[in-house]
Amino acid sequence: MALTAMSPRRMLAAGAGLTALGIAIAGTAPILGTEGSSRTLAQQVAGGVVLLAGWVVLALGIHRFGRGGD
């Protein structure tokens, strides 16, 4: 995804979407001690990485939106 080609509003929407996706991925990880719990840590880490990527895109979108270009 080329962030320089995106408008600030699209960056805000993409950042919000990635943030929600990261929360959904981490939130649906199996509970330790239940079936499938061997993948809990990997799923939570993957969700956290997606969440942080969403925050970065949100921060860039907020920065560009605040600088006045749309």
C-alpha atoms as a PDB file:
ATOM      1  CA  MET A   1       0.000   0.000   0.000  1.00  0.00           C
ATOM      2  CA  ALA A   2       1.537   3.298  -1.068  1.00  0.00           C
ATOM      3  CA  LEU A   3       0.716   5.657   1.775  1.00  0.00           C
ATOM      4  CA  THR A   4       1.958   8.710  -0.135  1.00  0.00           C
ATOM      5  CA  ALA A   5      -0.726   8.258  -2.800  1.00  0.00           C
ATOM      6  CA  MET A   6      -3.592   8.071  -0.305  1.00  0.00           C
ATOM      7  CA  SER A   7      -5.638  11.065   0.772  1.00  0.00           C
ATOM      8  CA  PRO A   8      -5.748  11.815   4.512  1.00  0.00           C
ATOM      9  CA  ARG A   9      -9.374  10.711   4.748  1.00  0.00           C
ATOM     10  CA  ARG A  10      -8.583   7.362   3.131  1.00  0.00           C
ATOM     11  CA  MET A  11      -5.620   6.936   5.473  1.00  0.00           C
ATOM     12  CA  LEU A  12      -7.895   7.540   8.453  1.00  0.00           C
ATOM     13  CA  ALA A  13     -10.374   4.963   7.154  1.00  0.00           C
ATOM     14  CA  ALA A  14      -7.616   2.430   6.411  1.00  0.00           C
ATOM     15  CA  GLY A  15      -6.042   2.972   9.839  1.00  0.00           C
ATOM     16  CA  ALA A  16      -9.372   2.496  11.574  1.00  0.00           C
ATOM     17  CA  GLY A  17     -10.016  -0.658   9.565  1.00  0.00           C
ATOM     18  CA  LEU A  18      -6.600  -2.130  10.345  1.00  0.00           C
ATOM     19  CA  THR A  19      -7.022  -1.290  14.022  1.00  0.00           C
ATOM     20  CA  ALA A  20     -10.408  -3.020  14.158  1.00  0.00           C
ATOM     21  CA  LEU A  21      -9.015  -6.015  12.261  1.00  0.00           C
ATOM     22  CA  GLY A  22      -6.099  -6.332  14.689  1.00  0.00           C
ATOM     23  CA  ILE A  23      -8.441  -6.267  17.663  1.00  0.00           C
ATOM     24  CA  ALA A  24     -10.649  -8.885  16.011  1.00  0.00           C
ATOM     25  CA  ILE A  25      -7.701 -11.181  15.271  1.00  0.00           C
ATOM     26  CA  ALA A  26      -6.278 -10.948  18.789  1.00  0.00           C
ATOM     27  CA  GLY A  27      -9.708 -11.106  20.409  1.00  0.00           C
ATOM     28  CA  THR A  28     -10.681 -14.362  18.732  1.00  0.00           C
ATOM     29  CA  ALA A  29      -7.563 -16.254  19.863  1.00  0.00           C
ATOM     30  CA  PRO A  30      -8.392 -19.471  21.697  1.00  0.00           C
ATOM     31  CA  ILE A  31      -8.301 -19.384  25.495  1.00  0.00           C
ATOM     32  CA  LEU A  32      -5.307 -21.135  27.021  1.00  0.00           C
ATOM     33  CA  GLY A  33      -6.159 -24.675  28.077  1.00  0.00           C
ATOM     34  CA  THR A  34      -8.837 -25.195  25.442  1.00  0.00           C
ATOM     35  CA  GLU A  35      -8.716 -26.962  22.093  1.00  0.00           C
ATOM     36  CA  GLY A  36      -6.546 -25.055  19.623  1.00  0.00           C
ATOM     37  CA  SER A  37      -4.736 -23.139  22.346  1.00  0.00           C
ATOM     38  CA  SER A  38      -1.381 -24.030  20.797  1.00  0.00           C
ATOM     39  CA  ARG A  39      -1.883 -21.133  18.366  1.00  0.00           C
ATOM     40  CA  THR A  40      -2.975 -18.575  20.969  1.00  0.00           C
ATOM     41  CA  LEU A  41       0.340 -16.752  21.260  1.00  0.00           C
ATOM     42  CA  ALA A  42       0.893 -16.578  17.498  1.00  0.00           C
ATOM     43  CA  GLN A  43      -2.616 -15.287  16.879  1.00  0.00           C
ATOM     44  CA  GLN A  44      -2.339 -12.640  19.602  1.00  0.00           C
ATOM     45  CA  VAL A  45       1.034 -11.481  18.265  1.00  0.00           C
ATOM     46  CA  ALA A  46      -0.321 -11.299  14.708  1.00  0.00           C
ATOM     47  CA  GLY A  47      -3.306  -9.292  15.929  1.00  0.00           C
ATOM     48  CA  GLY A  48      -1.013  -6.961  17.846  1.00  0.00           C
ATOM     49  CA  VAL A  49       1.160  -6.356  14.787  1.00  0.00           C
ATOM     50  CA  VAL A  50      -1.893  -5.527  12.666  1.00  0.00           C
ATOM     51  CA  LEU A  51      -3.182  -3.262  15.444  1.00  0.00           C
ATOM     52  CA  LEU A  52       0.111  -1.363  15.612  1.00  0.00           C
ATOM     53  CA  ALA A  53       0.175  -1.009  11.824  1.00  0.00           C
ATOM     54  CA  GLY A  54      -3.321   0.478  12.045  1.00  0.00           C
ATOM     55  CA  TRP A  55      -2.151   2.970  14.647  1.00  0.00           C
ATOM     56  CA  VAL A  56       0.756   4.032  12.431  1.00  0.00           C
ATOM     57  CA  VAL A  57      -1.556   4.607   9.466  1.00  0.00           C
ATOM     58  CA  LEU A  58      -3.997   6.487  11.725  1.00  0.00           C
ATOM     59  CA  ALA A  59      -1.206   8.706  13.045  1.00  0.00           C
ATOM     60  CA  LEU A  60       0.004   9.510   9.534  1.00  0.00           C
ATOM     61  CA  GLY A  61      -3.557  10.244   8.421  1.00  0.00           C
ATOM     62  CA  ILE A  62      -4.176  12.528  11.402  1.00  0.00           C
ATOM     63  CA  HIS A  63      -0.901  14.320  10.721  1.00  0.00           C
ATOM     64  CA  ARG A  64      -1.698  14.882   7.052  1.00  0.00           C
ATOM     65  CA  PHE A  65      -5.312  15.815   7.772  1.00  0.00           C
ATOM     66  CA  GLY A  66      -4.153  18.380  10.330  1.00  0.00           C
ATOM     67  CA  ARG A  67      -1.723  19.898   7.839  1.00  0.00           C
ATOM     68  CA  GLY A  68      -4.704  20.863   5.716  1.00  0.00           C
ATOM     69  CA  GLY A  69      -4.446  18.845   2.522  1.00  0.00           C
ATOM     70  CA  ASP A  70      -7.339  16.751   1.294  1.00  0.00           C
END
